[in-house]
């Protein structure tokens, strides 16, 4: 006679892990911003979960280090995973830290001449500087001559970064000696650009300066003053003077 003994399971069923309760948490501990010549670094901190914890910057490759180096500018999603495969994520953005700057000095060009110049001076960055007067073509010299009155897109680069700004080569015209009389005699006259009449009011310097760009455009396009009988027209030289002064930034000089 044989007795067959059937025993139950000797172990206990494992309860599933609730990752929302016992899973890990992650936060950004520190960052080192990339520069134009060096990459950035992100270090994360994690807590909770079941050891060991591993980390990933792409959600696929996990390792034990919580520091990620060699990073380019951009936004990264960082993940921590524990022994139960519970995960948590956080995001961080890295922007380029650019300490390259540019200043300039400009000489007077004259209103209709080309005697102006710009000398550029760069600081920060690293390596050899190259300079540009148009923001596109770079040369070794920081001095640009033979320039007409106007605004120029100047720039510097050091092999890693670029810095762009605007430089104005002035005409050297004075409002008091070159512009005021033209405005008074040809623009701010009865029924035209005076208080209570046509906009803008040119009876005050503030009214002229606040609307200088519009005045310069309309004068340059021959739309101000209007071509009407009885209205004195601006001479070509007067038009050029107003446009040059506006290009200078409409200074109170």
Protein backbone atom coordinates (compact mmCIF):
# COMPACT_ATOMS: atom_id res chain seq x y z
CA UNK A 1 0.00 0.00 0.00
CA UNK A 2 1.37 3.28 -1.08
CA UNK A 3 0.51 6.65 0.46
CA UNK A 4 0.96 9.62 -1.72
CA UNK A 5 1.56 12.79 0.24
CA UNK A 6 0.86 16.04 -1.56
CA UNK A 7 2.20 19.06 0.18
CA UNK A 8 1.37 22.66 -0.50
CA UNK A 9 3.84 25.37 -1.53
CA UNK A 10 6.40 25.87 1.17
CA UNK A 11 7.10 29.53 0.27
CA UNK A 12 4.98 32.66 0.27
CA UNK A 13 3.80 34.49 -2.81
CA UNK A 14 5.64 37.77 -3.22
CA UNK A 15 3.40 40.79 -3.14
CA UNK A 16 3.76 43.09 -6.15
CA UNK A 17 5.66 46.30 -5.46
CA UNK A 18 3.68 49.52 -5.53
CA UNK A 19 6.22 51.84 -7.18
CA UNK A 20 4.15 54.93 -6.46
CA UNK A 21 4.55 54.22 -2.73
CA UNK A 22 7.95 52.59 -2.37
CA UNK A 23 9.70 53.67 -5.54
CA UNK A 24 12.65 56.09 -5.72
CA UNK A 25 12.64 59.86 -6.13
CA UNK A 26 15.12 61.94 -8.11
CA UNK A 27 16.15 65.60 -8.23
CA UNK A 28 18.90 67.69 -9.79
CA UNK A 29 21.66 68.25 -7.26
CA UNK A 30 23.99 70.48 -9.30
CA UNK A 31 24.83 71.58 -12.84
CA UNK A 32 27.89 72.96 -14.57
CA UNK A 33 26.88 74.98 -17.63
CA UNK A 34 28.71 74.22 -20.87
CA UNK A 35 30.80 76.96 -22.41
CA UNK A 36 31.62 77.33 -26.08
CA UNK A 37 34.75 75.23 -25.53
CA UNK A 38 33.91 72.92 -22.61
CA UNK A 39 30.98 70.50 -22.06
CA UNK A 40 28.54 70.64 -19.17
CA UNK A 41 27.82 68.33 -16.24
CA UNK A 42 24.69 67.34 -14.35
CA UNK A 43 24.63 65.57 -10.98
CA UNK A 44 21.41 64.10 -9.62
CA UNK A 45 20.37 63.03 -6.13
CA UNK A 46 18.06 60.09 -5.41
CA UNK A 47 16.24 58.80 -2.37
CA UNK A 48 13.87 55.98 -1.49
CA UNK A 49 13.40 52.84 -3.52
CA UNK A 50 15.22 49.55 -3.06
CA UNK A 51 18.98 49.46 -3.42
CA UNK A 52 20.89 49.32 -5.63
CA UNK A 53 19.88 52.46 -7.53
CA UNK A 54 21.08 53.05 -11.09
CA UNK A 55 20.86 56.14 -13.30
CA UNK A 56 20.35 56.97 -16.95
CA UNK A 57 20.35 60.08 -19.14
CA UNK A 58 18.61 58.43 -22.08
CA UNK A 59 16.20 56.04 -20.38
CA UNK A 60 18.00 53.00 -21.81
CA UNK A 61 21.53 52.74 -20.46
CA UNK A 62 21.75 52.63 -16.64
CA UNK A 63 24.85 52.79 -14.45
CA UNK A 64 25.70 53.39 -10.83
CA UNK A 65 27.07 56.94 -11.18
CA UNK A 66 24.70 59.83 -10.58
CA UNK A 67 26.95 62.27 -12.47
CA UNK A 68 26.64 62.88 -16.22
CA UNK A 69 29.49 64.74 -17.90
CA UNK A 70 30.43 65.72 -21.44
CA UNK A 71 27.03 67.30 -22.10
CA UNK A 72 26.22 69.71 -24.89
CA UNK A 73 23.62 72.49 -24.49
CA UNK A 74 20.08 71.12 -24.44
CA UNK A 75 17.33 69.61 -22.30
CA UNK A 76 17.87 66.23 -20.67
CA UNK A 77 15.54 63.75 -18.96
CA UNK A 78 17.31 61.88 -16.17
CA UNK A 79 16.02 58.59 -14.75
CA UNK A 80 16.67 56.61 -11.57
CA UNK A 81 15.72 52.92 -11.33
CA UNK A 82 15.79 50.72 -8.24
CA UNK A 83 16.17 46.94 -7.79
CA UNK A 84 12.43 46.44 -8.35
CA UNK A 85 12.62 48.35 -11.66
CA UNK A 86 10.67 51.23 -10.23
CA UNK A 87 11.66 54.49 -11.90
CA UNK A 88 11.43 58.25 -11.44
CA UNK A 89 12.47 61.04 -13.79
CA UNK A 90 13.40 64.70 -13.74
CA UNK A 91 14.40 67.16 -16.46
CA UNK A 92 17.12 69.79 -16.64
CA UNK A 93 18.16 72.31 -19.28
CA UNK A 94 21.73 73.38 -19.99
CA UNK A 95 22.45 76.65 -21.78
CA UNK A 96 25.81 77.82 -23.05
CA UNK A 97 27.70 80.11 -20.72
CA UNK A 98 29.30 82.60 -23.10
CA UNK A 99 31.64 85.13 -21.47
CA UNK A 100 32.85 86.50 -24.80
CA UNK A 101 31.93 90.20 -25.12
CA UNK A 102 32.61 93.00 -27.58
CA UNK A 103 32.84 96.78 -27.31
CA UNK A 104 33.65 99.39 -29.95
CA UNK A 105 34.72 102.95 -30.60
CA UNK A 106 33.57 104.74 -33.76
CA UNK A 107 34.85 107.84 -35.51
CA UNK A 108 32.74 110.37 -37.41
CA UNK A 109 31.98 109.56 -41.04
CA UNK A 110 30.30 112.79 -42.13
CA UNK A 111 26.76 112.79 -43.45
CA UNK A 112 27.54 111.90 -47.03
CA UNK A 113 31.14 110.79 -46.67
CA UNK A 114 32.97 107.55 -45.96
CA UNK A 115 35.60 108.69 -43.51
CA UNK A 116 34.24 106.75 -40.56
CA UNK A 117 35.88 103.85 -38.77
CA UNK A 118 35.13 101.29 -36.09
CA UNK A 119 37.64 99.73 -33.73
CA UNK A 120 36.45 96.58 -31.96
CA UNK A 121 37.71 95.32 -28.61
CA UNK A 122 36.94 91.81 -27.31
CA UNK A 123 37.23 90.32 -23.83
CA UNK A 124 36.61 86.84 -22.42
CA UNK A 125 36.51 83.64 -24.39
CA UNK A 126 39.70 81.85 -25.33
CA UNK A 127 42.02 81.52 -28.29
CA UNK A 128 42.53 83.92 -31.18
CA UNK A 129 39.90 86.56 -31.89
CA UNK A 130 38.47 87.16 -35.35
CA UNK A 131 36.34 90.24 -36.08
CA UNK A 132 33.52 91.14 -38.45
CA UNK A 133 31.90 94.40 -39.57
CA UNK A 134 28.91 92.66 -41.16
CA UNK A 135 28.32 89.72 -38.79
CA UNK A 136 29.29 87.20 -41.47
CA UNK A 137 32.82 87.69 -42.79
CA UNK A 138 35.58 87.48 -40.16
CA UNK A 139 39.16 88.81 -40.34
CA UNK A 140 42.08 89.19 -37.95
CA UNK A 141 42.05 93.01 -37.90
CA UNK A 142 39.85 94.71 -35.32
CA UNK A 143 39.84 98.05 -37.17
CA UNK A 144 37.48 98.80 -40.07
CA UNK A 145 37.84 102.06 -41.96
CA UNK A 146 36.29 103.82 -44.95
CA UNK A 147 32.82 103.50 -43.43
CA UNK A 148 29.78 105.61 -44.18
CA UNK A 149 27.31 106.84 -41.58
CA UNK A 150 25.07 103.97 -40.50
CA UNK A 151 24.45 100.97 -38.26
CA UNK A 152 26.76 97.96 -38.58
CA UNK A 153 26.34 94.38 -37.32
CA UNK A 154 29.73 93.85 -35.68
CA UNK A 155 30.87 90.54 -34.22
CA UNK A 156 33.78 88.63 -32.72
CA UNK A 157 34.49 84.90 -32.52
CA UNK A 158 37.24 82.95 -30.77
CA UNK A 159 36.98 79.57 -32.46
CA UNK A 160 34.30 78.35 -30.05
CA UNK A 161 31.81 81.18 -29.44
CA UNK A 162 30.52 84.23 -31.28
CA UNK A 163 29.25 87.52 -29.89
CA UNK A 164 27.21 89.96 -32.02
CA UNK A 165 26.15 93.55 -31.37
CA UNK A 166 25.33 96.77 -33.23
CA UNK A 167 27.70 99.67 -33.82
CA UNK A 168 26.74 103.09 -35.15
CA UNK A 169 29.19 105.15 -37.19
CA UNK A 170 27.94 108.70 -36.54
CA UNK A 171 27.60 111.48 -39.06
CA UNK A 172 28.67 114.02 -36.47
CA UNK A 173 25.74 116.32 -37.26
CA UNK A 174 24.41 118.49 -34.44
CA UNK A 175 20.67 118.91 -33.95
CA UNK A 176 21.11 122.49 -32.81
CA UNK A 177 23.24 123.61 -35.74
CA UNK A 178 22.13 121.34 -38.59
CA UNK A 179 18.60 120.06 -37.94
CA UNK A 180 16.63 122.48 -35.76
CA UNK A 181 16.34 125.21 -38.42
CA UNK A 182 15.14 122.74 -41.07
CA UNK A 183 12.41 121.43 -38.76
CA UNK A 184 11.35 124.93 -37.76
CA UNK A 185 11.22 126.38 -41.28
CA UNK A 186 10.01 123.39 -43.32
CA UNK A 187 8.12 121.05 -40.95
CA UNK A 188 6.75 122.75 -37.82
CA UNK A 189 4.84 125.42 -39.75
CA UNK A 190 1.25 126.67 -39.56
CA UNK A 191 -1.17 123.80 -40.01
CA UNK A 192 1.54 121.17 -40.19
CA UNK A 193 3.28 119.41 -37.26
CA UNK A 194 2.48 122.06 -34.69
CA UNK A 195 0.54 121.70 -31.45
CA UNK A 196 -3.07 120.78 -32.17
CA UNK A 197 -2.34 120.02 -35.80
CA UNK A 198 -0.84 117.10 -37.71
CA UNK A 199 1.02 114.34 -35.85
CA UNK A 200 3.80 114.32 -34.82
CA UNK A 201 4.12 117.62 -32.98
CA UNK A 202 7.54 118.99 -33.95
CA UNK A 203 7.44 122.13 -31.87
CA UNK A 204 9.43 120.45 -29.08
CA UNK A 205 12.61 118.42 -29.20
CA UNK A 206 10.91 115.59 -27.28
CA UNK A 207 8.19 115.35 -29.92
CA UNK A 208 10.85 115.15 -32.62
CA UNK A 209 13.11 112.67 -30.81
CA UNK A 210 10.26 110.35 -29.75
CA UNK A 211 9.17 110.05 -33.39
CA UNK A 212 12.60 110.29 -35.00
CA UNK A 213 12.53 106.88 -36.74
CA UNK A 214 9.16 107.62 -38.35
CA UNK A 215 10.33 111.09 -39.37
CA UNK A 216 13.52 109.72 -40.87
CA UNK A 217 11.63 107.09 -42.89
CA UNK A 218 9.03 109.53 -44.23
CA UNK A 219 11.60 112.18 -45.06
CA UNK A 220 13.86 109.63 -46.72
CA UNK A 221 10.92 108.32 -48.79
CA UNK A 222 10.03 111.88 -49.80
CA UNK A 223 6.69 111.57 -48.02
CA UNK A 224 7.32 114.43 -45.59
CA UNK A 225 6.49 117.20 -46.23
CA UNK A 226 3.73 116.25 -48.68
CA UNK A 227 3.98 117.38 -52.28
CA UNK A 228 1.34 120.10 -52.13
CA UNK A 229 1.19 123.60 -53.50
CA UNK A 230 2.18 126.20 -50.95
CA UNK A 231 4.21 123.77 -48.82
CA UNK A 232 7.96 124.35 -48.89
CA UNK A 233 9.81 121.22 -49.95
CA UNK A 234 13.03 119.91 -48.48
CA UNK A 235 16.20 120.20 -50.49
CA UNK A 236 18.22 117.04 -51.10
CA UNK A 237 20.88 118.22 -48.68
CA UNK A 238 18.26 118.85 -45.99
CA UNK A 239 16.77 115.37 -46.47
CA UNK A 240 20.19 113.79 -46.14
CA UNK A 241 20.93 115.72 -42.95
CA UNK A 242 17.72 114.64 -41.25
CA UNK A 243 18.25 110.98 -42.24
CA UNK A 244 21.85 111.08 -41.05
CA UNK A 245 20.90 112.61 -37.71
CA UNK A 246 18.17 109.99 -37.19
CA UNK A 247 20.66 107.23 -38.08
CA UNK A 248 22.95 108.62 -35.38
CA UNK A 249 20.19 107.83 -32.87
CA UNK A 250 18.57 111.29 -32.85
CA UNK A 251 20.95 112.71 -30.22
CA UNK A 252 20.23 115.94 -28.35
CA UNK A 253 23.42 117.65 -29.43
